[in-house]
Amino acid sequence: MKFKFFIFLNILFFIVACSAPQDVKLTLTSVGDTMKYNQEILQVKGGSNVTLTFINKAKMAGMNHNVIILKPKTNLKKFASEALAHGPNYVPPSDRIIAQTKMTNPGETVSITFVMPKEKGYYPYVCTFPGHASSMQGVIRVN
């Protein structure tokens, strides 16, 4: 009987451990003096506590970047267009935003921490510095 109880406790512990939110650390960088992120697809478990570190590896003055994580099916072209009116950080007020970094200067590193939604899907991320959104984007795949 004690053995069955021991097995039951182990199974219960395993279930709780598997369903608990995970702490995830992600790193994203810009690619030199280009308008590209080094990764176009990131992957996390839904409900994870995410710490995203963004490193702006540009050296050229004026090559500023940010990372804005949005809800699935956000119209990126429209969102980026709205961002132009909200300099110098270029972040429009929107209920589509899940998390965002500040606008970084070349050589600067920033980190943000947020909870990724539990819903499975593809969550786009984009740089909203003027002219960057068309080529500087990717997705976080939540599974």
Protein backbone atom coordinates (compact mmCIF):
# COMPACT_ATOMS: atom_id res chain seq x y z
CA MET A 1 0.00 0.00 0.00
CA LYS A 2 2.85 2.40 0.83
CA PHE A 3 4.42 1.64 -2.54
CA LYS A 4 1.20 2.55 -4.41
CA PHE A 5 0.95 5.79 -2.45
CA PHE A 6 4.60 6.56 -3.30
CA ILE A 7 3.90 5.94 -7.01
CA PHE A 8 0.79 8.14 -6.81
CA LEU A 9 2.80 10.99 -5.26
CA ASN A 10 5.47 10.71 -7.95
CA ILE A 11 2.88 10.83 -10.72
CA LEU A 12 1.19 13.82 -9.10
CA PHE A 13 4.53 15.62 -8.75
CA PHE A 14 5.32 14.91 -12.42
CA ILE A 15 1.95 16.30 -13.56
CA VAL A 16 2.37 19.47 -11.50
CA ALA A 17 5.96 19.95 -12.71
CA CYS A 18 4.94 19.55 -16.37
CA SER A 19 2.04 21.97 -16.13
CA ALA A 20 3.89 24.70 -14.22
CA PRO A 21 4.93 27.76 -16.23
CA GLN A 22 8.45 27.52 -17.58
CA ASP A 23 11.10 30.20 -17.29
CA VAL A 24 12.51 30.73 -20.78
CA LYS A 25 15.45 32.91 -21.80
CA LEU A 26 15.60 34.01 -25.43
CA THR A 27 18.25 36.09 -27.17
CA LEU A 28 17.60 37.97 -30.38
CA THR A 29 20.13 40.18 -32.18
CA SER A 30 20.21 42.44 -35.16
CA VAL A 31 22.50 41.32 -37.98
CA GLY A 32 25.25 43.92 -38.21
CA ASP A 33 24.18 47.09 -39.99
CA THR A 34 21.26 45.42 -41.75
CA MET A 35 17.55 45.55 -41.10
CA LYS A 36 17.28 41.89 -40.04
CA TYR A 37 16.97 39.87 -36.87
CA ASN A 38 19.29 36.88 -36.54
CA GLN A 39 16.30 34.55 -36.04
CA GLU A 40 12.99 34.54 -37.85
CA ILE A 41 11.35 31.86 -35.67
CA LEU A 42 11.52 31.51 -31.89
CA GLN A 43 9.64 28.81 -30.00
CA VAL A 44 8.20 28.71 -26.47
CA LYS A 45 5.57 26.86 -24.49
CA GLY A 46 2.35 28.77 -23.89
CA GLY A 47 2.17 30.45 -20.49
CA SER A 48 5.97 30.61 -20.16
CA ASN A 49 7.70 33.38 -18.25
CA VAL A 50 9.92 34.75 -21.02
CA THR A 51 12.99 36.92 -20.65
CA LEU A 52 13.95 38.27 -24.05
CA THR A 53 17.35 39.89 -24.45
CA PHE A 54 17.79 41.97 -27.58
CA ILE A 55 21.28 42.97 -28.72
CA ASN A 56 21.55 45.71 -31.33
CA LYS A 57 24.77 44.68 -33.11
CA ALA A 58 24.71 47.61 -35.51
CA LYS A 59 27.68 49.97 -35.55
CA MET A 60 26.34 52.57 -37.96
CA ALA A 61 24.81 55.66 -36.35
CA GLY A 62 21.04 55.82 -36.80
CA MET A 63 20.60 52.04 -37.11
CA ASN A 64 18.20 51.93 -34.17
CA HIS A 65 16.02 48.89 -33.50
CA ASN A 66 13.31 47.60 -31.17
CA VAL A 67 11.32 44.40 -30.78
CA ILE A 68 7.55 44.50 -30.48
CA ILE A 69 5.72 41.20 -29.93
CA LEU A 70 2.15 41.19 -31.18
CA LYS A 71 -0.95 39.04 -31.08
CA PRO A 72 -1.50 36.53 -33.90
CA LYS A 73 -2.97 37.82 -37.15
CA THR A 74 -1.91 41.41 -36.50
CA ASN A 75 -1.65 43.34 -39.76
CA LEU A 76 2.07 44.23 -39.60
CA LYS A 77 1.95 46.71 -42.46
CA LYS A 78 -0.87 48.66 -40.81
CA PHE A 79 0.75 48.43 -37.36
CA ALA A 80 4.11 49.71 -38.69
CA SER A 81 2.35 52.53 -40.52
CA GLU A 82 0.60 53.59 -37.30
CA ALA A 83 3.94 53.44 -35.46
CA LEU A 84 5.45 56.16 -37.67
CA ALA A 85 3.28 58.77 -35.96
CA HIS A 86 4.61 57.81 -32.52
CA GLY A 87 8.35 58.61 -32.59
CA PRO A 88 10.91 58.58 -31.12
CA ASN A 89 10.09 55.05 -29.90
CA TYR A 90 7.62 54.36 -32.74
CA VAL A 91 5.16 52.35 -30.66
CA PRO A 92 1.49 53.14 -31.28
CA PRO A 93 -1.00 52.58 -28.47
CA SER A 94 -2.51 49.18 -29.26
CA ASP A 95 -4.22 46.25 -27.58
CA ARG A 96 -2.32 44.05 -30.08
CA ILE A 97 0.99 44.48 -28.19
CA ILE A 98 2.05 41.65 -25.88
CA ALA A 99 5.51 43.03 -25.02
CA GLN A 100 8.02 45.54 -26.33
CA THR A 101 11.58 46.69 -25.88
CA LYS A 102 12.58 50.31 -25.96
CA MET A 103 14.21 51.67 -29.10
CA THR A 104 17.89 50.71 -28.90
CA ASN A 105 20.93 52.52 -30.21
CA PRO A 106 23.74 50.70 -32.03
CA GLY A 107 25.70 48.52 -29.57
CA GLU A 108 22.97 48.61 -26.92
CA THR A 109 21.45 45.57 -25.16
CA VAL A 110 18.04 45.48 -23.46
CA SER A 111 16.02 42.78 -21.72
CA ILE A 112 12.29 42.47 -21.10
CA THR A 113 10.33 39.88 -19.14
CA PHE A 114 6.74 38.95 -19.93
CA VAL A 115 4.30 36.04 -19.80
CA MET A 116 3.65 34.47 -23.19
CA PRO A 117 -0.06 33.81 -23.78
CA LYS A 118 -1.17 30.19 -23.38
CA GLU A 119 -2.96 30.06 -26.75
CA LYS A 120 -1.08 28.14 -29.42
CA GLY A 121 -0.20 30.08 -32.53
CA TYR A 122 2.28 32.32 -34.27
CA TYR A 123 2.95 35.64 -32.56
CA PRO A 124 4.73 38.11 -34.85
CA TYR A 125 7.54 40.35 -33.71
CA VAL A 126 8.72 43.40 -35.61
CA CYS A 127 11.02 46.42 -35.50
CA THR A 128 9.02 49.63 -35.93
CA PHE A 129 11.89 52.03 -36.62
CA PRO A 130 10.91 53.84 -39.85
CA GLY A 131 11.56 51.65 -42.89
CA HIS A 132 12.55 48.51 -40.95
CA ALA A 133 9.27 46.61 -40.52
CA SER A 134 9.12 45.13 -44.02
CA SER A 135 12.35 43.14 -43.54
CA MET A 136 12.89 43.07 -39.78
CA GLN A 137 10.28 40.66 -38.48
CA GLY A 138 9.75 37.12 -37.28
CA VAL A 139 7.39 34.97 -35.22
CA ILE A 140 7.28 33.30 -31.85
CA ARG A 141 5.69 29.89 -32.21
CA VAL A 142 3.70 28.98 -29.12
CA ASN A 143 2.98 25.29 -28.66
